[in-house]
Amino acid sequence: MSSKFLKEFKEFAIKGSMIDIAIGIIIGAAFNNVVDTLVKKVLMPPISLLTNGINFQNKKLILRPELFEGEKLIREEVAIEYGTLITVLINFVIIGLCTFFVVKIMNSLRNKAEDPKEKVIKPPKDIELLGDLKTIMEEQNKLLKEMKNKK
C-alpha cells in the first residue's frame, strides 16, 4: 500500500503538477501582499478621509468590555470586529478585479496569437509521424491479408 502511494506521489511530482502548485502558492502569497498594501495604504486612507477620518480596521462592536483591577487584566474584551471584515471584503473585490483583468489580458493575447483565417490547426511533428506510421501499418496489414487470402 505504501509503495503504491509513493509511486503515485512520484508521478504527481515528476509530471510537474506539484511544481505548478508551489509556483501558484508563491505568486499568490506575493500577490496577497501587494493587494493588502494597496488596500491599507492606498485605498483606505482616502475612504477614511471621505468618511471624516473613520479607520475601518479599528471598527468593532464591543459585546463585553475588558475589565481591569488596577493594572491586572481580569476579563478580556469580546467584540465583533466588523471593520476587519470590511477591509477583507475590499481586498476580495480588488483580488477579483485584478484576476479578471489578468485573465482578460491573457485571453486577448491568446486571441491575437491565433490566426482567425487559419481554422486548421497543424498537429505537432511527432503526431504527424505517428499518423504516417498508422497509415503504413494499415497498408501492410491489408497486403498481408490479401496474400493470405490468395494462398
C-alpha atoms as a PDB file:
ATOM      1  CA  MET A   1       0.000   0.000   0.000  1.00  0.00           C
ATOM      2  CA  SER A   2       2.766   2.420   0.923  1.00  0.00           C
ATOM      3  CA  SER A   3       4.795   1.693  -2.227  1.00  0.00           C
ATOM      4  CA  LYS A   4       1.699   2.390  -4.360  1.00  0.00           C
ATOM      5  CA  PHE A   5       1.249   5.723  -2.591  1.00  0.00           C
ATOM      6  CA  LEU A   6       4.927   6.610  -3.108  1.00  0.00           C
ATOM      7  CA  LYS A   7       4.676   5.661  -6.790  1.00  0.00           C
ATOM      8  CA  GLU A   8       1.598   7.869  -7.256  1.00  0.00           C
ATOM      9  CA  PHE A   9       3.275  10.742  -5.415  1.00  0.00           C
ATOM     10  CA  LYS A  10       6.407  10.369  -7.559  1.00  0.00           C
ATOM     11  CA  GLU A  11       4.287  10.504 -10.748  1.00  0.00           C
ATOM     12  CA  PHE A  12       2.473  13.555  -9.423  1.00  0.00           C
ATOM     13  CA  ALA A  13       5.734  15.344  -8.564  1.00  0.00           C
ATOM     14  CA  ILE A  14       7.515  14.413 -11.789  1.00  0.00           C
ATOM     15  CA  LYS A  15       4.670  15.438 -14.067  1.00  0.00           C
ATOM     16  CA  GLY A  16       5.064  18.991 -12.802  1.00  0.00           C
ATOM     17  CA  SER A  17       1.747  19.349 -11.009  1.00  0.00           C
ATOM     18  CA  MET A  18       3.440  19.813  -7.671  1.00  0.00           C
ATOM     19  CA  ILE A  19       5.795  22.426  -9.081  1.00  0.00           C
ATOM     20  CA  ASP A  20       2.880  24.278 -10.698  1.00  0.00           C
ATOM     21  CA  ILE A  21       1.014  24.295  -7.395  1.00  0.00           C
ATOM     22  CA  ALA A  22       4.087  25.536  -5.500  1.00  0.00           C
ATOM     23  CA  ILE A  23       4.642  28.347  -8.001  1.00  0.00           C
ATOM     24  CA  GLY A  24       0.971  29.291  -7.763  1.00  0.00           C
ATOM     25  CA  ILE A  25       1.142  29.451  -3.977  1.00  0.00           C
ATOM     26  CA  ILE A  26       4.295  31.577  -4.008  1.00  0.00           C
ATOM     27  CA  ILE A  27       2.871  34.006  -6.564  1.00  0.00           C
ATOM     28  CA  GLY A  28      -0.438  34.065  -4.666  1.00  0.00           C
ATOM     29  CA  ALA A  29       1.316  34.971  -1.418  1.00  0.00           C
ATOM     30  CA  ALA A  30       3.241  37.778  -3.127  1.00  0.00           C
ATOM     31  CA  PHE A  31       0.052  38.986  -4.813  1.00  0.00           C
ATOM     32  CA  ASN A  32      -1.689  38.958  -1.429  1.00  0.00           C
ATOM     33  CA  ASN A  33       0.972  41.312  -0.027  1.00  0.00           C
ATOM     34  CA  VAL A  34       0.514  43.675  -2.976  1.00  0.00           C
ATOM     35  CA  VAL A  35      -3.262  43.742  -2.569  1.00  0.00           C
ATOM     36  CA  ASP A  36      -3.017  44.114   1.209  1.00  0.00           C
ATOM     37  CA  THR A  37      -0.726  47.120   0.821  1.00  0.00           C
ATOM     38  CA  LEU A  38      -2.942  48.556  -1.929  1.00  0.00           C
ATOM     39  CA  VAL A  39      -5.990  48.353   0.314  1.00  0.00           C
ATOM     40  CA  LYS A  40      -4.410  49.513   3.579  1.00  0.00           C
ATOM     41  CA  LYS A  41      -2.054  52.205   2.273  1.00  0.00           C
ATOM     42  CA  VAL A  42      -3.686  53.431  -0.944  1.00  0.00           C
ATOM     43  CA  LEU A  43      -7.465  52.885  -0.865  1.00  0.00           C
ATOM     44  CA  MET A  44      -8.406  53.036   2.798  1.00  0.00           C
ATOM     45  CA  PRO A  45      -6.839  56.456   3.593  1.00  0.00           C
ATOM     46  CA  PRO A  46      -8.997  58.318   1.002  1.00  0.00           C
ATOM     47  CA  ILE A  47     -12.059  56.333   2.094  1.00  0.00           C
ATOM     48  CA  SER A  48     -11.263  57.224   5.689  1.00  0.00           C
ATOM     49  CA  LEU A  49     -10.872  60.873   4.668  1.00  0.00           C
ATOM     50  CA  LEU A  50     -14.243  60.815   2.880  1.00  0.00           C
ATOM     51  CA  THR A  51     -15.875  59.308   5.953  1.00  0.00           C
ATOM     52  CA  ASN A  52     -14.483  62.006   8.245  1.00  0.00           C
ATOM     53  CA  GLY A  53     -11.418  60.117   9.480  1.00  0.00           C
ATOM     54  CA  ILE A  54     -13.049  56.765  10.196  1.00  0.00           C
ATOM     55  CA  ASN A  55     -10.494  53.942  10.215  1.00  0.00           C
ATOM     56  CA  PHE A  56     -12.392  50.796   9.278  1.00  0.00           C
ATOM     57  CA  GLN A  57      -9.640  48.488  10.544  1.00  0.00           C
ATOM     58  CA  ASN A  58     -10.330  49.601  14.130  1.00  0.00           C
ATOM     59  CA  LYS A  59     -14.140  49.498  13.979  1.00  0.00           C
ATOM     60  CA  LYS A  60     -15.756  46.963  16.256  1.00  0.00           C
ATOM     61  CA  LEU A  61     -18.927  46.279  18.205  1.00  0.00           C
ATOM     62  CA  ILE A  62     -17.999  45.618  21.824  1.00  0.00           C
ATOM     63  CA  LEU A  63     -20.137  42.905  23.366  1.00  0.00           C
ATOM     64  CA  ARG A  64     -18.287  42.772  26.672  1.00  0.00           C
ATOM     65  CA  PRO A  65     -15.649  45.366  27.645  1.00  0.00           C
ATOM     66  CA  GLU A  66     -12.361  44.339  29.166  1.00  0.00           C
ATOM     67  CA  LEU A  67     -12.155  44.596  32.935  1.00  0.00           C
ATOM     68  CA  PHE A  68      -9.080  45.699  34.865  1.00  0.00           C
ATOM     69  CA  GLU A  69      -8.337  45.568  38.550  1.00  0.00           C
ATOM     70  CA  GLY A  70      -5.581  48.104  38.886  1.00  0.00           C
ATOM     71  CA  GLU A  71      -3.010  47.109  36.242  1.00  0.00           C
ATOM     72  CA  LYS A  72      -4.133  43.489  36.083  1.00  0.00           C
ATOM     73  CA  LEU A  73      -6.468  42.356  33.288  1.00  0.00           C
ATOM     74  CA  ILE A  74      -9.281  40.341  34.821  1.00  0.00           C
ATOM     75  CA  ARG A  75     -11.530  39.824  31.808  1.00  0.00           C
ATOM     76  CA  GLU A  76     -10.715  40.086  28.087  1.00  0.00           C
ATOM     77  CA  GLU A  77     -12.790  42.162  25.712  1.00  0.00           C
ATOM     78  CA  VAL A  78     -15.286  40.350  23.499  1.00  0.00           C
ATOM     79  CA  ALA A  79     -16.039  42.222  20.301  1.00  0.00           C
ATOM     80  CA  ILE A  80     -17.231  41.786  16.732  1.00  0.00           C
ATOM     81  CA  GLU A  81     -14.559  43.383  14.554  1.00  0.00           C
ATOM     82  CA  TYR A  82     -16.659  44.359  11.541  1.00  0.00           C
ATOM     83  CA  GLY A  83     -14.009  46.828  10.357  1.00  0.00           C
ATOM     84  CA  THR A  84     -11.650  43.948   9.626  1.00  0.00           C
ATOM     85  CA  LEU A  85     -14.448  42.305   7.615  1.00  0.00           C
ATOM     86  CA  ILE A  86     -14.900  45.487   5.558  1.00  0.00           C
ATOM     87  CA  THR A  87     -11.154  45.589   4.835  1.00  0.00           C
ATOM     88  CA  VAL A  88     -11.092  41.889   3.874  1.00  0.00           C
ATOM     89  CA  LEU A  89     -14.110  42.365   1.583  1.00  0.00           C
ATOM     90  CA  ILE A  90     -12.354  45.261  -0.150  1.00  0.00           C
ATOM     91  CA  ASN A  91      -9.283  43.008  -0.550  1.00  0.00           C
ATOM     92  CA  PHE A  92     -11.518  40.316  -2.055  1.00  0.00           C
ATOM     93  CA  VAL A  93     -13.066  42.718  -4.568  1.00  0.00           C
ATOM     94  CA  ILE A  94      -9.634  44.020  -5.597  1.00  0.00           C
ATOM     95  CA  ILE A  95      -8.248  40.483  -5.999  1.00  0.00           C
ATOM     96  CA  GLY A  96     -11.317  39.534  -8.045  1.00  0.00           C
ATOM     97  CA  LEU A  97     -10.932  42.576 -10.302  1.00  0.00           C
ATOM     98  CA  CYS A  98      -7.187  42.024 -10.737  1.00  0.00           C
ATOM     99  CA  THR A  99      -7.736  38.360 -11.577  1.00  0.00           C
ATOM    100  CA  PHE A 100     -10.461  39.326 -14.058  1.00  0.00           C
ATOM    101  CA  PHE A 101      -8.178  41.825 -15.790  1.00  0.00           C
ATOM    102  CA  VAL A 102      -5.252  39.373 -15.920  1.00  0.00           C
ATOM    103  CA  VAL A 103      -7.462  36.668 -17.466  1.00  0.00           C
ATOM    104  CA  LYS A 104      -8.951  39.201 -19.871  1.00  0.00           C
ATOM    105  CA  ILE A 105      -5.468  40.320 -20.989  1.00  0.00           C
ATOM    106  CA  MET A 106      -4.295  36.701 -21.340  1.00  0.00           C
ATOM    107  CA  ASN A 107      -7.357  35.829 -23.449  1.00  0.00           C
ATOM    108  CA  SER A 108      -6.780  38.900 -25.596  1.00  0.00           C
ATOM    109  CA  LEU A 109      -3.133  37.926 -26.169  1.00  0.00           C
ATOM    110  CA  ARG A 110      -4.142  34.338 -26.973  1.00  0.00           C
ATOM    111  CA  ASN A 111      -6.747  35.525 -29.483  1.00  0.00           C
ATOM    112  CA  LYS A 112      -4.192  37.790 -31.171  1.00  0.00           C
ATOM    113  CA  ALA A 113      -1.701  34.911 -31.364  1.00  0.00           C
ATOM    114  CA  GLU A 114      -4.228  32.689 -33.115  1.00  0.00           C
ATOM    115  CA  ASP A 115      -4.758  33.398 -36.795  1.00  0.00           C
ATOM    116  CA  PRO A 116      -8.536  33.694 -37.278  1.00  0.00           C
ATOM    117  CA  LYS A 117      -8.190  32.964 -41.019  1.00  0.00           C
ATOM    118  CA  GLU A 118      -6.443  29.625 -40.481  1.00  0.00           C
ATOM    119  CA  LYS A 119      -9.046  27.300 -38.998  1.00  0.00           C
ATOM    120  CA  VAL A 120      -6.951  24.123 -39.394  1.00  0.00           C
ATOM    121  CA  ILE A 121      -4.596  23.568 -36.518  1.00  0.00           C
ATOM    122  CA  LYS A 122      -1.449  21.837 -37.661  1.00  0.00           C
ATOM    123  CA  PRO A 123      -0.555  18.969 -35.313  1.00  0.00           C
ATOM    124  CA  PRO A 124       2.947  18.652 -33.879  1.00  0.00           C
ATOM    125  CA  LYS A 125       5.512  16.802 -35.994  1.00  0.00           C
ATOM    126  CA  ASP A 126       5.616  13.735 -33.724  1.00  0.00           C
ATOM    127  CA  ILE A 127       1.831  13.325 -34.006  1.00  0.00           C
ATOM    128  CA  GLU A 128       2.093  13.571 -37.802  1.00  0.00           C
ATOM    129  CA  LEU A 129       4.750  10.857 -37.814  1.00  0.00           C
ATOM    130  CA  LEU A 130       2.533   8.607 -35.689  1.00  0.00           C
ATOM    131  CA  GLY A 131      -0.292   9.128 -38.171  1.00  0.00           C
ATOM    132  CA  ASP A 132       2.034   8.214 -41.042  1.00  0.00           C
ATOM    133  CA  LEU A 133       3.124   5.067 -39.189  1.00  0.00           C
ATOM    134  CA  LYS A 134      -0.501   4.110 -38.626  1.00  0.00           C
ATOM    135  CA  THR A 135      -1.249   4.504 -42.339  1.00  0.00           C
ATOM    136  CA  ILE A 136       1.776   2.389 -43.320  1.00  0.00           C
ATOM    137  CA  MET A 137       0.808  -0.334 -40.828  1.00  0.00           C
ATOM    138  CA  GLU A 138      -2.777  -0.397 -42.168  1.00  0.00           C
ATOM    139  CA  GLU A 139      -1.464  -0.764 -45.724  1.00  0.00           C
ATOM    140  CA  GLN A 140       0.881  -3.589 -44.648  1.00  0.00           C
ATOM    141  CA  ASN A 141      -1.950  -5.384 -42.843  1.00  0.00           C
ATOM    142  CA  LYS A 142      -4.125  -5.059 -45.943  1.00  0.00           C
ATOM    143  CA  LEU A 143      -1.351  -6.552 -48.122  1.00  0.00           C
ATOM    144  CA  LEU A 144      -0.782  -9.406 -45.671  1.00  0.00           C
ATOM    145  CA  LYS A 145      -4.497 -10.237 -45.640  1.00  0.00           C
ATOM    146  CA  GLU A 146      -4.568 -10.247 -49.452  1.00  0.00           C
ATOM    147  CA  MET A 147      -1.539 -12.567 -49.559  1.00  0.00           C
ATOM    148  CA  LYS A 148      -3.151 -14.872 -47.003  1.00  0.00           C
ATOM    149  CA  ASN A 149      -6.414 -14.974 -48.969  1.00  0.00           C
ATOM    150  CA  LYS A 150      -4.544 -15.882 -52.207  1.00  0.00           C
ATOM    151  CA  LYS A 151      -2.993 -18.981 -50.574  1.00  0.00           C
END
